[in-house]
């Protein structure tokens, strides 16, 4: 049996209080977003990942 994990990006740090990204943007992660990714890293540390698929 295979396990499939769906992961969303961490919370970004929006400039000027914006609430959304328009077009091609690459904002930095906020402090909360960094904490989310650290937790995710810990959760996946012991898992064997064969493939990773991403969207553009």
N, C-alpha and C. Protein backbone atom coordinates (compact mmCIF):
# COMPACT_ATOMS: atom_id res chain seq x y z
N UNK A 1 0.84 -1.19 0.00
CA UNK A 1 0.00 0.00 0.00
C UNK A 1 0.89 1.25 0.00
N UNK A 2 0.48 2.26 -0.74
CA UNK A 2 1.24 3.51 -0.83
C UNK A 2 0.61 4.58 0.03
N UNK A 3 1.45 5.42 0.56
CA UNK A 3 0.98 6.61 1.27
C UNK A 3 1.20 7.81 0.37
N UNK A 4 0.22 8.68 0.30
CA UNK A 4 0.33 9.92 -0.47
C UNK A 4 0.14 11.07 0.51
N UNK A 5 1.08 11.99 0.48
CA UNK A 5 1.03 13.16 1.37
C UNK A 5 0.79 14.41 0.54
N UNK A 6 -0.18 15.19 0.91
CA UNK A 6 -0.44 16.48 0.26
C UNK A 6 0.02 17.56 1.22
N UNK A 7 0.91 18.41 0.75
CA UNK A 7 1.49 19.44 1.61
C UNK A 7 1.33 20.79 0.94
N UNK A 8 0.89 21.74 1.70
CA UNK A 8 0.75 23.11 1.20
C UNK A 8 1.93 23.94 1.69
N UNK A 9 2.21 25.02 1.01
CA UNK A 9 3.31 25.90 1.40
C UNK A 9 3.04 26.52 2.77
N UNK A 10 4.09 26.99 3.40
CA UNK A 10 3.95 27.69 4.68
C UNK A 10 3.40 29.10 4.47
N UNK A 11 2.98 29.71 5.54
CA UNK A 11 2.38 31.05 5.46
C UNK A 11 3.44 32.08 5.04
N UNK A 12 3.16 32.82 3.96
CA UNK A 12 4.13 33.82 3.48
C UNK A 12 4.04 35.12 4.27
N UNK A 13 5.11 35.89 4.17
CA UNK A 13 5.15 37.24 4.75
C UNK A 13 4.76 38.21 3.64
N UNK A 14 3.54 38.70 3.67
CA UNK A 14 3.06 39.61 2.63
C UNK A 14 3.56 41.02 2.88
N UNK A 15 4.02 41.66 1.83
CA UNK A 15 4.49 43.05 1.93
C UNK A 15 3.32 44.01 2.01
N UNK A 16 3.43 44.99 2.85
CA UNK A 16 2.41 46.03 2.93
C UNK A 16 1.05 45.56 3.40
N UNK A 17 0.98 44.41 4.07
CA UNK A 17 -0.29 43.93 4.59
C UNK A 17 -1.19 43.28 3.56
N UNK A 18 -0.66 43.01 2.35
CA UNK A 18 -1.47 42.35 1.32
C UNK A 18 -1.93 40.99 1.83
N UNK A 19 -3.02 40.49 1.29
CA UNK A 19 -3.57 39.21 1.73
C UNK A 19 -3.54 38.15 0.64
N UNK A 20 -2.97 38.45 -0.52
CA UNK A 20 -2.91 37.45 -1.58
C UNK A 20 -1.75 37.75 -2.52
N UNK A 21 -1.36 36.74 -3.26
CA UNK A 21 -0.31 36.87 -4.26
C UNK A 21 -0.98 36.92 -5.63
N UNK A 22 -0.50 37.79 -6.48
CA UNK A 22 -1.05 37.91 -7.83
C UNK A 22 0.09 37.67 -8.81
N UNK A 23 -0.14 36.78 -9.77
CA UNK A 23 0.88 36.50 -10.77
C UNK A 23 2.00 35.66 -10.18
N UNK A 24 3.19 35.81 -10.72
CA UNK A 24 4.35 35.05 -10.27
C UNK A 24 5.03 35.81 -9.14
N UNK A 25 4.89 35.33 -7.95
CA UNK A 25 5.55 35.94 -6.81
C UNK A 25 6.28 34.86 -6.02
N UNK A 26 7.25 35.27 -5.24
CA UNK A 26 8.00 34.34 -4.41
C UNK A 26 8.29 35.00 -3.06
N UNK A 27 7.23 35.26 -2.27
CA UNK A 27 7.45 35.94 -0.99
C UNK A 27 8.18 35.04 0.02
N UNK A 28 8.91 35.66 0.91
CA UNK A 28 9.56 34.95 2.00
C UNK A 28 8.51 34.36 2.93
N UNK A 29 8.89 33.35 3.70
CA UNK A 29 7.99 32.82 4.71
C UNK A 29 7.96 33.76 5.91
N UNK A 30 6.80 33.84 6.53
CA UNK A 30 6.67 34.60 7.76
C UNK A 30 7.26 33.76 8.90
N UNK A 31 7.34 34.31 10.09
CA UNK A 31 7.79 33.55 11.25
C UNK A 31 6.93 32.32 11.46
N UNK A 32 5.61 32.50 11.32
CA UNK A 32 4.69 31.36 11.45
C UNK A 32 4.95 30.33 10.35
N UNK A 33 5.20 30.79 9.13
CA UNK A 33 5.48 29.89 8.02
C UNK A 33 6.75 29.08 8.26
N UNK A 34 7.79 29.70 8.82
CA UNK A 34 9.02 28.98 9.15
C UNK A 34 8.77 27.91 10.22
N UNK A 35 7.96 28.25 11.21
CA UNK A 35 7.61 27.26 12.25
C UNK A 35 6.82 26.10 11.64
N UNK A 36 5.92 26.40 10.71
CA UNK A 36 5.15 25.35 10.05
C UNK A 36 6.08 24.40 9.30
N UNK A 37 7.07 24.94 8.59
CA UNK A 37 7.99 24.11 7.82
C UNK A 37 8.92 23.30 8.72
N UNK A 38 9.32 23.87 9.87
CA UNK A 38 10.15 23.12 10.82
C UNK A 38 9.37 21.92 11.36
N UNK A 39 8.10 22.14 11.70
CA UNK A 39 7.26 21.05 12.19
C UNK A 39 7.09 19.98 11.12
N UNK A 40 6.85 20.41 9.89
CA UNK A 40 6.69 19.48 8.78
C UNK A 40 7.97 18.67 8.57
N UNK A 41 9.11 19.32 8.66
CA UNK A 41 10.39 18.65 8.51
C UNK A 41 10.56 17.56 9.57
N UNK A 42 10.17 17.85 10.79
CA UNK A 42 10.24 16.86 11.86
C UNK A 42 9.32 15.68 11.58
N UNK A 43 8.12 15.95 11.09
CA UNK A 43 7.15 14.89 10.82
C UNK A 43 7.60 13.97 9.68
N UNK A 44 8.34 14.50 8.71
CA UNK A 44 8.76 13.71 7.56
C UNK A 44 10.18 13.15 7.70
N UNK A 45 10.86 13.45 8.78
CA UNK A 45 12.26 13.04 8.95
C UNK A 45 12.45 11.53 8.86
N UNK A 46 11.53 10.75 9.36
CA UNK A 46 11.67 9.30 9.39
C UNK A 46 10.96 8.59 8.23
N UNK A 47 10.35 9.35 7.35
CA UNK A 47 9.60 8.74 6.25
C UNK A 47 10.51 8.55 5.03
N UNK A 48 10.25 7.50 4.29
CA UNK A 48 10.99 7.24 3.07
C UNK A 48 10.16 7.79 1.90
N UNK A 49 10.63 8.87 1.30
CA UNK A 49 9.91 9.52 0.20
C UNK A 49 10.54 9.08 -1.12
N UNK A 50 9.73 8.50 -2.01
CA UNK A 50 10.22 8.05 -3.31
C UNK A 50 10.16 9.13 -4.37
N UNK A 51 9.09 9.93 -4.37
CA UNK A 51 8.89 10.95 -5.39
C UNK A 51 8.25 12.18 -4.78
N UNK A 52 8.54 13.30 -5.41
CA UNK A 52 7.91 14.57 -5.02
C UNK A 52 7.39 15.22 -6.29
N UNK A 53 6.13 15.62 -6.29
CA UNK A 53 5.52 16.34 -7.42
C UNK A 53 5.12 17.72 -6.93
N UNK A 54 5.36 18.72 -7.74
CA UNK A 54 5.00 20.09 -7.37
C UNK A 54 4.25 20.77 -8.53
N UNK A 55 3.58 21.84 -8.21
CA UNK A 55 2.97 22.67 -9.25
C UNK A 55 3.84 23.92 -9.42
N UNK A 56 3.68 24.57 -10.52
CA UNK A 56 4.45 25.80 -10.77
C UNK A 56 3.64 27.01 -10.43
